Amino acid sequence: MSTTANMPTLSSLDELTRLVTRRQGLYVRWSRGPERDLRGVSSTDDLTGVKLPGLSASPLDLEDWWGKRPLHVWVARRLYDYCHLPRVKDPRTRPWLLHGSETARGPDNEPLVTDVEPLGWIADHVIDEACRIITGQPGDWGPLDRDGAT
């Protein structure tokens, strides 16, 4: 069986938040999945075409500066930041959870991760929940959509 076929699906933001409290080194990767990504364990810089020394991913480890704010809002924000990718990059792009080791930083200062252990897909309704939480927060927390596509 393939890596993708064996992966469970995380079905709630609470479930993902509990994992973040129990384990360091968790990341969210938005792509077509580990089956494809683990062939070379490398992302490519879209602007220059340079092959990077790891997979670009969003870290889920809580930062000290977050203080006593709700952890589920932290996790929701990490999911929300790149929720535009299926729309602007490839509709087959999906979020998945992984454990890995940061090896470098990419051109947008994002972590580049190696020693990747795929842990699970993140269900679409979890992303919807994250979006509702973040858009309900005060201030402008728009996703990191540089193209401005809607």
N, C-alpha and C. Protein backbone atom coordinates (compact mmCIF):
# COMPACT_ATOMS: atom_id res chain seq x y z
N MET A 1 0.83 -1.20 0.00
CA MET A 1 0.00 0.00 0.00
C MET A 1 0.86 1.25 0.00
N SER A 2 0.35 2.33 -0.54
CA SER A 2 1.11 3.57 -0.62
C SER A 2 1.08 4.31 0.71
N THR A 3 2.00 5.25 0.86
CA THR A 3 2.05 6.10 2.05
C THR A 3 0.73 6.84 2.21
N THR A 4 0.21 7.38 1.12
CA THR A 4 -1.02 8.16 1.15
C THR A 4 -2.20 7.31 1.57
N ALA A 5 -2.29 6.09 1.07
CA ALA A 5 -3.41 5.22 1.40
C ALA A 5 -3.41 4.83 2.87
N ASN A 6 -2.26 4.76 3.48
CA ASN A 6 -2.15 4.36 4.89
C ASN A 6 -2.36 5.50 5.88
N MET A 7 -2.37 6.73 5.39
CA MET A 7 -2.45 7.86 6.31
C MET A 7 -3.87 8.07 6.82
N PRO A 8 -4.00 8.25 8.14
CA PRO A 8 -5.31 8.59 8.68
C PRO A 8 -5.64 10.04 8.33
N THR A 9 -6.86 10.43 8.57
CA THR A 9 -7.28 11.82 8.37
C THR A 9 -7.63 12.41 9.72
N LEU A 10 -7.01 13.54 10.03
CA LEU A 10 -7.33 14.28 11.27
C LEU A 10 -8.65 14.98 11.02
N SER A 11 -9.62 14.73 11.88
CA SER A 11 -10.98 15.16 11.59
C SER A 11 -11.48 16.32 12.44
N SER A 12 -10.63 16.86 13.32
CA SER A 12 -11.06 18.03 14.08
C SER A 12 -9.86 18.88 14.47
N LEU A 13 -10.13 20.16 14.64
CA LEU A 13 -9.09 21.07 15.10
C LEU A 13 -8.65 20.70 16.51
N ASP A 14 -9.58 20.23 17.33
CA ASP A 14 -9.23 19.79 18.69
C ASP A 14 -8.24 18.63 18.66
N GLU A 15 -8.47 17.67 17.75
CA GLU A 15 -7.56 16.53 17.63
C GLU A 15 -6.16 17.00 17.25
N LEU A 16 -6.07 17.90 16.29
CA LEU A 16 -4.77 18.43 15.87
C LEU A 16 -4.12 19.22 17.01
N THR A 17 -4.90 20.01 17.71
CA THR A 17 -4.38 20.79 18.83
C THR A 17 -3.82 19.88 19.92
N ARG A 18 -4.50 18.79 20.21
CA ARG A 18 -3.99 17.83 21.21
C ARG A 18 -2.64 17.26 20.78
N LEU A 19 -2.49 16.95 19.49
CA LEU A 19 -1.20 16.44 18.99
C LEU A 19 -0.09 17.47 19.17
N VAL A 20 -0.41 18.72 18.93
CA VAL A 20 0.58 19.80 19.07
C VAL A 20 1.04 19.93 20.53
N THR A 21 0.15 19.65 21.49
CA THR A 21 0.54 19.74 22.90
C THR A 21 1.42 18.56 23.32
N ARG A 22 1.35 17.46 22.59
CA ARG A 22 2.06 16.24 22.97
C ARG A 22 3.40 16.04 22.28
N ARG A 23 3.60 16.68 21.14
CA ARG A 23 4.78 16.35 20.34
C ARG A 23 5.37 17.58 19.68
N GLN A 24 6.66 17.76 19.82
CA GLN A 24 7.38 18.86 19.16
C GLN A 24 7.76 18.43 17.74
N GLY A 25 8.05 19.40 16.90
CA GLY A 25 8.53 19.11 15.56
C GLY A 25 7.45 18.73 14.58
N LEU A 26 6.21 19.21 14.82
CA LEU A 26 5.12 18.96 13.89
C LEU A 26 5.01 20.13 12.91
N TYR A 27 4.66 19.79 11.68
CA TYR A 27 4.54 20.78 10.60
C TYR A 27 3.32 20.46 9.77
N VAL A 28 2.79 21.48 9.10
CA VAL A 28 1.76 21.30 8.09
C VAL A 28 2.41 21.57 6.74
N ARG A 29 2.18 20.67 5.83
CA ARG A 29 2.67 20.81 4.45
C ARG A 29 1.46 20.84 3.54
N TRP A 30 1.43 21.81 2.64
CA TRP A 30 0.37 21.92 1.64
C TRP A 30 0.96 21.44 0.32
N SER A 31 0.49 20.30 -0.16
CA SER A 31 1.01 19.75 -1.41
C SER A 31 0.04 18.68 -1.91
N ARG A 32 0.48 17.94 -2.91
CA ARG A 32 -0.33 16.83 -3.41
C ARG A 32 -0.13 15.58 -2.56
N GLY A 33 0.74 15.67 -1.56
CA GLY A 33 0.87 14.58 -0.59
C GLY A 33 2.26 14.00 -0.49
N PRO A 34 2.47 13.21 0.57
CA PRO A 34 3.78 12.65 0.84
C PRO A 34 4.25 11.67 -0.24
N GLU A 35 3.32 10.99 -0.87
CA GLU A 35 3.68 10.05 -1.92
C GLU A 35 4.59 10.72 -2.95
N ARG A 36 4.20 11.90 -3.34
CA ARG A 36 4.94 12.69 -4.33
C ARG A 36 6.15 13.39 -3.70
N ASP A 37 5.93 13.99 -2.53
CA ASP A 37 6.97 14.80 -1.89
C ASP A 37 8.18 14.00 -1.43
N LEU A 38 7.96 12.77 -0.99
CA LEU A 38 9.05 12.00 -0.41
C LEU A 38 9.96 11.35 -1.46
N ARG A 39 9.63 11.49 -2.71
CA ARG A 39 10.51 10.98 -3.77
C ARG A 39 11.85 11.70 -3.75
N GLY A 40 11.83 13.00 -3.50
CA GLY A 40 13.07 13.76 -3.50
C GLY A 40 13.31 14.55 -2.24
N VAL A 41 12.31 14.63 -1.38
CA VAL A 41 12.32 15.42 -0.15
C VAL A 41 12.92 16.79 -0.40
N SER A 42 12.36 17.48 -1.39
CA SER A 42 12.85 18.79 -1.75
C SER A 42 11.73 19.62 -2.34
N SER A 43 11.64 20.86 -1.91
CA SER A 43 10.75 21.82 -2.54
C SER A 43 11.56 22.58 -3.58
N THR A 44 10.86 23.30 -4.43
CA THR A 44 11.52 24.14 -5.43
C THR A 44 11.03 25.56 -5.26
N ASP A 45 11.94 26.51 -5.29
CA ASP A 45 11.57 27.92 -5.23
C ASP A 45 10.87 28.28 -6.53
N ASP A 46 9.61 28.72 -6.43
CA ASP A 46 8.83 29.04 -7.63
C ASP A 46 9.45 30.17 -8.45
N LEU A 47 10.07 31.13 -7.81
CA LEU A 47 10.62 32.29 -8.52
C LEU A 47 11.88 31.95 -9.31
N THR A 48 12.80 31.20 -8.70
CA THR A 48 14.09 30.95 -9.35
C THR A 48 14.25 29.55 -9.91
N GLY A 49 13.39 28.61 -9.46
CA GLY A 49 13.53 27.23 -9.88
C GLY A 49 14.59 26.46 -9.11
N VAL A 50 15.17 27.09 -8.08
CA VAL A 50 16.21 26.44 -7.28
C VAL A 50 15.60 25.33 -6.44
N LYS A 51 16.26 24.18 -6.47
CA LYS A 51 15.85 23.04 -5.64
C LYS A 51 16.33 23.31 -4.22
N LEU A 52 15.42 23.22 -3.25
CA LEU A 52 15.72 23.55 -1.86
C LEU A 52 16.08 22.28 -1.08
N PRO A 53 16.85 22.43 0.01
CA PRO A 53 17.32 21.27 0.77
C PRO A 53 16.31 20.73 1.78
N GLY A 54 15.06 20.64 1.40
CA GLY A 54 14.02 20.12 2.27
C GLY A 54 12.66 20.52 1.75
N LEU A 55 11.62 20.07 2.43
CA LEU A 55 10.25 20.43 2.08
C LEU A 55 9.82 21.67 2.84
N SER A 56 9.25 22.64 2.14
CA SER A 56 8.74 23.81 2.85
C SER A 56 7.47 23.41 3.61
N ALA A 57 7.38 23.87 4.84
CA ALA A 57 6.26 23.50 5.70
C ALA A 57 6.06 24.59 6.76
N SER A 58 4.87 24.59 7.34
CA SER A 58 4.55 25.55 8.40
C SER A 58 4.69 24.87 9.75
N PRO A 59 5.50 25.46 10.65
CA PRO A 59 5.69 24.85 11.96
C PRO A 59 4.45 25.01 12.84
N LEU A 60 4.18 23.99 13.63
CA LEU A 60 3.06 24.04 14.58
C LEU A 60 3.51 24.22 16.02
N ASP A 61 4.82 24.10 16.28
CA ASP A 61 5.31 24.27 17.65
C ASP A 61 4.93 25.67 18.15
N LEU A 62 4.39 25.70 19.35
CA LEU A 62 3.98 26.95 19.97
C LEU A 62 5.19 27.81 20.31
N GLU A 63 5.12 29.07 19.98
CA GLU A 63 6.18 30.03 20.32
C GLU A 63 5.89 30.66 21.68
N ASP A 64 6.94 30.93 22.44
CA ASP A 64 6.78 31.52 23.78
C ASP A 64 6.01 32.83 23.75
N TRP A 65 6.23 33.64 22.72
CA TRP A 65 5.59 34.95 22.66
C TRP A 65 4.06 34.85 22.55
N TRP A 66 3.53 33.67 22.19
CA TRP A 66 2.09 33.50 22.09
C TRP A 66 1.43 33.63 23.47
N GLY A 67 2.23 33.38 24.50
CA GLY A 67 1.74 33.54 25.87
C GLY A 67 0.63 32.56 26.21
N LYS A 68 -0.39 33.08 26.89
CA LYS A 68 -1.49 32.24 27.36
C LYS A 68 -2.70 32.31 26.42
N ARG A 69 -2.48 32.80 25.22
CA ARG A 69 -3.57 32.82 24.25
C ARG A 69 -3.99 31.38 23.94
N PRO A 70 -5.21 31.19 23.45
CA PRO A 70 -5.70 29.83 23.19
C PRO A 70 -4.87 29.10 22.14
N LEU A 71 -4.48 27.88 22.47
CA LEU A 71 -3.67 27.07 21.57
C LEU A 71 -4.41 26.75 20.28
N HIS A 72 -5.73 26.52 20.37
CA HIS A 72 -6.47 26.19 19.15
C HIS A 72 -6.47 27.36 18.16
N VAL A 73 -6.36 28.59 18.65
CA VAL A 73 -6.27 29.75 17.75
C VAL A 73 -4.89 29.75 17.07
N TRP A 74 -3.84 29.39 17.80
CA TRP A 74 -2.51 29.27 17.21
C TRP A 74 -2.53 28.25 16.06
N VAL A 75 -3.08 27.08 16.33
CA VAL A 75 -3.12 26.02 15.33
C VAL A 75 -3.99 26.46 14.14
N ALA A 76 -5.12 27.09 14.43
CA ALA A 76 -5.99 27.57 13.35
C ALA A 76 -5.26 28.58 12.47
N ARG A 77 -4.50 29.45 13.09
CA ARG A 77 -3.76 30.44 12.31
C ARG A 77 -2.73 29.77 11.41
N ARG A 78 -2.04 28.78 11.91
CA ARG A 78 -1.03 28.08 11.12
C ARG A 78 -1.67 27.39 9.91
N LEU A 79 -2.90 26.91 10.06
CA LEU A 79 -3.62 26.30 8.95
C LEU A 79 -4.13 27.37 7.98
N TYR A 80 -4.62 28.46 8.53
CA TYR A 80 -5.23 29.53 7.74
C TYR A 80 -4.22 30.23 6.83
N ASP A 81 -2.99 30.35 7.29
CA ASP A 81 -1.99 31.12 6.55
C ASP A 81 -1.83 30.69 5.09
N TYR A 82 -1.99 29.41 4.83
CA TYR A 82 -1.76 28.91 3.47
C TYR A 82 -3.00 28.25 2.85
N CYS A 83 -4.18 28.54 3.39
CA CYS A 83 -5.40 27.92 2.90
C CYS A 83 -5.73 28.32 1.46
N HIS A 84 -5.09 29.35 0.95
CA HIS A 84 -5.33 29.80 -0.42
C HIS A 84 -4.61 28.93 -1.47
N LEU A 85 -3.66 28.10 -1.06
CA LEU A 85 -2.84 27.37 -2.03
C LEU A 85 -3.63 26.48 -2.98
N PRO A 86 -4.65 25.74 -2.54
CA PRO A 86 -5.39 24.93 -3.52
C PRO A 86 -6.03 25.79 -4.62
N ARG A 87 -6.41 27.00 -4.27
CA ARG A 87 -7.05 27.90 -5.22
C ARG A 87 -6.06 28.52 -6.19
N VAL A 88 -4.88 28.91 -5.69
CA VAL A 88 -3.95 29.66 -6.54
C VAL A 88 -2.84 28.81 -7.16
N LYS A 89 -2.60 27.62 -6.60
CA LYS A 89 -1.49 26.81 -7.09
C LYS A 89 -1.95 25.57 -7.84
N ASP A 90 -2.73 24.73 -7.18
CA ASP A 90 -3.17 23.47 -7.76
C ASP A 90 -4.35 22.97 -6.93
N PRO A 91 -5.50 22.72 -7.54
CA PRO A 91 -6.66 22.28 -6.76
C PRO A 91 -6.45 20.93 -6.07
N ARG A 92 -5.41 20.18 -6.46
CA ARG A 92 -5.12 18.90 -5.80
C ARG A 92 -4.26 19.08 -4.55
N THR A 93 -3.88 20.32 -4.26
CA THR A 93 -3.10 20.62 -3.06
C THR A 93 -3.96 20.41 -1.83
N ARG A 94 -3.39 19.66 -0.86
CA ARG A 94 -4.10 19.36 0.39
C ARG A 94 -3.13 19.53 1.56
N PRO A 95 -3.65 19.87 2.74
CA PRO A 95 -2.79 19.95 3.91
C PRO A 95 -2.59 18.57 4.54
N TRP A 96 -1.36 18.32 4.97
CA TRP A 96 -1.09 17.09 5.72
C TRP A 96 -0.11 17.38 6.82
N LEU A 97 -0.20 16.60 7.87
CA LEU A 97 0.62 16.76 9.06
C LEU A 97 1.84 15.86 8.96
N LEU A 98 2.97 16.40 9.38
CA LEU A 98 4.20 15.61 9.37
C LEU A 98 5.04 15.94 10.59
N HIS A 99 5.93 15.03 10.91
CA HIS A 99 6.96 15.28 11.90
C HIS A 99 8.26 15.32 11.12
N GLY A 100 9.13 16.26 11.46
CA GLY A 100 10.39 16.37 10.74
C GLY A 100 11.39 17.21 11.48
N SER A 101 12.54 17.39 10.82
CA SER A 101 13.63 18.19 11.38
C SER A 101 13.92 19.36 10.45
N GLU A 102 13.93 20.55 11.02
CA GLU A 102 14.25 21.73 10.21
C GLU A 102 15.73 21.68 9.84
N THR A 103 16.00 21.80 8.55
CA THR A 103 17.38 21.73 8.06
C THR A 103 17.88 23.08 7.56
N ALA A 104 16.96 23.95 7.15
CA ALA A 104 17.34 25.26 6.61
C ALA A 104 16.08 26.11 6.54
N ARG A 105 16.23 27.30 5.97
CA ARG A 105 15.11 28.21 5.74
C ARG A 105 15.03 28.49 4.25
N GLY A 106 13.79 28.57 3.76
CA GLY A 106 13.57 28.84 2.35
C GLY A 106 13.57 30.31 2.03
N PRO A 107 13.28 30.68 0.79
CA PRO A 107 13.34 32.07 0.35
C PRO A 107 12.32 32.98 1.03
N ASP A 108 11.26 32.43 1.58
CA ASP A 108 10.28 33.22 2.33
C ASP A 108 10.47 33.05 3.83
N ASN A 109 11.65 32.58 4.23
CA ASN A 109 12.02 32.32 5.62
C ASN A 109 11.20 31.18 6.23
N GLU A 110 10.60 30.34 5.39
CA GLU A 110 9.85 29.19 5.89
C GLU A 110 10.80 28.05 6.22
N PRO A 111 10.45 27.23 7.20
CA PRO A 111 11.29 26.07 7.51
C PRO A 111 11.34 25.11 6.32
N LEU A 112 12.51 24.55 6.10
CA LEU A 112 12.70 23.46 5.15
C LEU A 112 12.97 22.22 5.98
N VAL A 113 12.17 21.19 5.79
CA VAL A 113 12.14 20.05 6.68
C VAL A 113 12.63 18.79 5.98
N THR A 114 13.44 18.01 6.70
CA THR A 114 13.89 16.70 6.24
C THR A 114 13.52 15.67 7.31
N ASP A 115 13.93 14.42 7.11
CA ASP A 115 13.57 13.33 8.04
C ASP A 115 12.06 13.32 8.28
N VAL A 116 11.33 13.38 7.18
CA VAL A 116 9.88 13.54 7.22
C VAL A 116 9.17 12.23 7.55
N GLU A 117 8.28 12.32 8.54
CA GLU A 117 7.40 11.22 8.90
C GLU A 117 5.96 11.70 8.67
N PRO A 118 5.29 11.26 7.61
CA PRO A 118 3.89 11.65 7.39
C PRO A 118 3.01 11.10 8.51
N LEU A 119 2.13 11.94 9.04
CA LEU A 119 1.26 11.52 10.14
C LEU A 119 -0.21 11.48 9.78
N GLY A 120 -0.65 12.33 8.87
CA GLY A 120 -2.05 12.29 8.49
C GLY A 120 -2.47 13.46 7.63
N TRP A 121 -3.53 13.23 6.86
CA TRP A 121 -4.18 14.30 6.12
C TRP A 121 -4.94 15.17 7.11
N ILE A 122 -5.17 16.40 6.75
CA ILE A 122 -6.02 17.28 7.55
C ILE A 122 -7.30 17.49 6.74
N ALA A 123 -8.43 17.10 7.32
CA ALA A 123 -9.72 17.15 6.61
C ALA A 123 -10.08 18.58 6.21
N ASP A 124 -10.78 18.69 5.10
CA ASP A 124 -11.22 20.00 4.60
C ASP A 124 -12.04 20.74 5.64
N HIS A 125 -12.91 20.03 6.37
CA HIS A 125 -13.75 20.74 7.35
C HIS A 125 -12.93 21.27 8.52
N VAL A 126 -11.73 20.73 8.75
CA VAL A 126 -10.83 21.29 9.78
C VAL A 126 -10.30 22.64 9.29
N ILE A 127 -9.98 22.71 8.01
CA ILE A 127 -9.53 23.98 7.43
C ILE A 127 -10.67 25.00 7.47
N ASP A 128 -11.87 24.56 7.15
CA ASP A 128 -13.04 25.46 7.24
C ASP A 128 -13.21 25.98 8.66
N GLU A 129 -13.06 25.10 9.65
CA GLU A 129 -13.17 25.51 11.05
C GLU A 129 -12.08 26.52 11.41
N ALA A 130 -10.86 26.26 10.96
CA ALA A 130 -9.75 27.19 11.22
C ALA A 130 -10.04 28.55 10.60
N CYS A 131 -10.57 28.56 9.39
CA CYS A 131 -10.90 29.82 8.72
C CYS A 131 -11.96 30.60 9.48
N ARG A 132 -12.98 29.88 9.98
CA ARG A 132 -14.03 30.55 10.77
C ARG A 132 -13.44 31.16 12.04
N ILE A 133 -12.56 30.43 12.71
CA ILE A 133 -11.96 30.94 13.94
C ILE A 133 -11.14 32.18 13.66
N ILE A 134 -10.32 32.13 12.63
CA ILE A 134 -9.42 33.26 12.35
C ILE A 134 -10.18 34.47 11.82
N THR A 135 -11.12 34.26 10.92
CA THR A 135 -11.87 35.42 10.41
C THR A 135 -12.76 36.03 11.50
N GLY A 136 -13.02 35.29 12.57
CA GLY A 136 -13.77 35.83 13.70
C GLY A 136 -12.93 36.58 14.71
N GLN A 137 -11.61 36.60 14.51
CA GLN A 137 -10.71 37.31 15.42
C GLN A 137 -10.69 38.80 15.08
N PRO A 138 -10.39 39.65 16.07
CA PRO A 138 -10.26 41.08 15.76
C PRO A 138 -9.03 41.32 14.88
N GLY A 139 -9.08 42.33 14.06
CA GLY A 139 -7.96 42.67 13.20
C GLY A 139 -8.06 41.96 11.85
N ASP A 140 -7.06 42.19 11.01
CA ASP A 140 -7.03 41.62 9.66
C ASP A 140 -6.01 40.50 9.62
N TRP A 141 -6.48 39.26 9.61
CA TRP A 141 -5.62 38.08 9.60
C TRP A 141 -5.70 37.38 8.25
N GLY A 142 -5.59 38.11 7.19
CA GLY A 142 -5.69 37.49 5.87
C GLY A 142 -4.65 36.44 5.65
N PRO A 143 -4.97 35.42 4.79
CA PRO A 143 -3.97 34.40 4.49
C PRO A 143 -2.80 35.00 3.72
N LEU A 144 -1.70 34.30 3.69
CA LEU A 144 -0.49 34.81 3.03
C LEU A 144 -0.61 34.64 1.52
N ASP A 145 -1.63 35.26 0.94
CA ASP A 145 -1.91 35.16 -0.49
C ASP A 145 -1.32 36.37 -1.18
N ARG A 146 -0.12 36.25 -1.69
CA ARG A 146 0.57 37.39 -2.29
C ARG A 146 -0.02 37.80 -3.63
N ASP A 147 -0.72 36.87 -4.29
CA ASP A 147 -1.31 37.19 -5.58
C ASP A 147 -2.60 38.00 -5.45
N GLY A 148 -3.16 37.98 -4.25
CA GLY A 148 -4.40 38.72 -4.02
C GLY A 148 -5.60 38.05 -4.65
N ALA A 149 -5.45 36.79 -5.08
CA ALA A 149 -6.57 36.08 -5.72
C ALA A 149 -7.66 35.80 -4.69
N THR A 150 -8.87 35.82 -5.11
CA THR A 150 -9.97 35.50 -4.21
C THR A 150 -10.72 34.29 -4.68
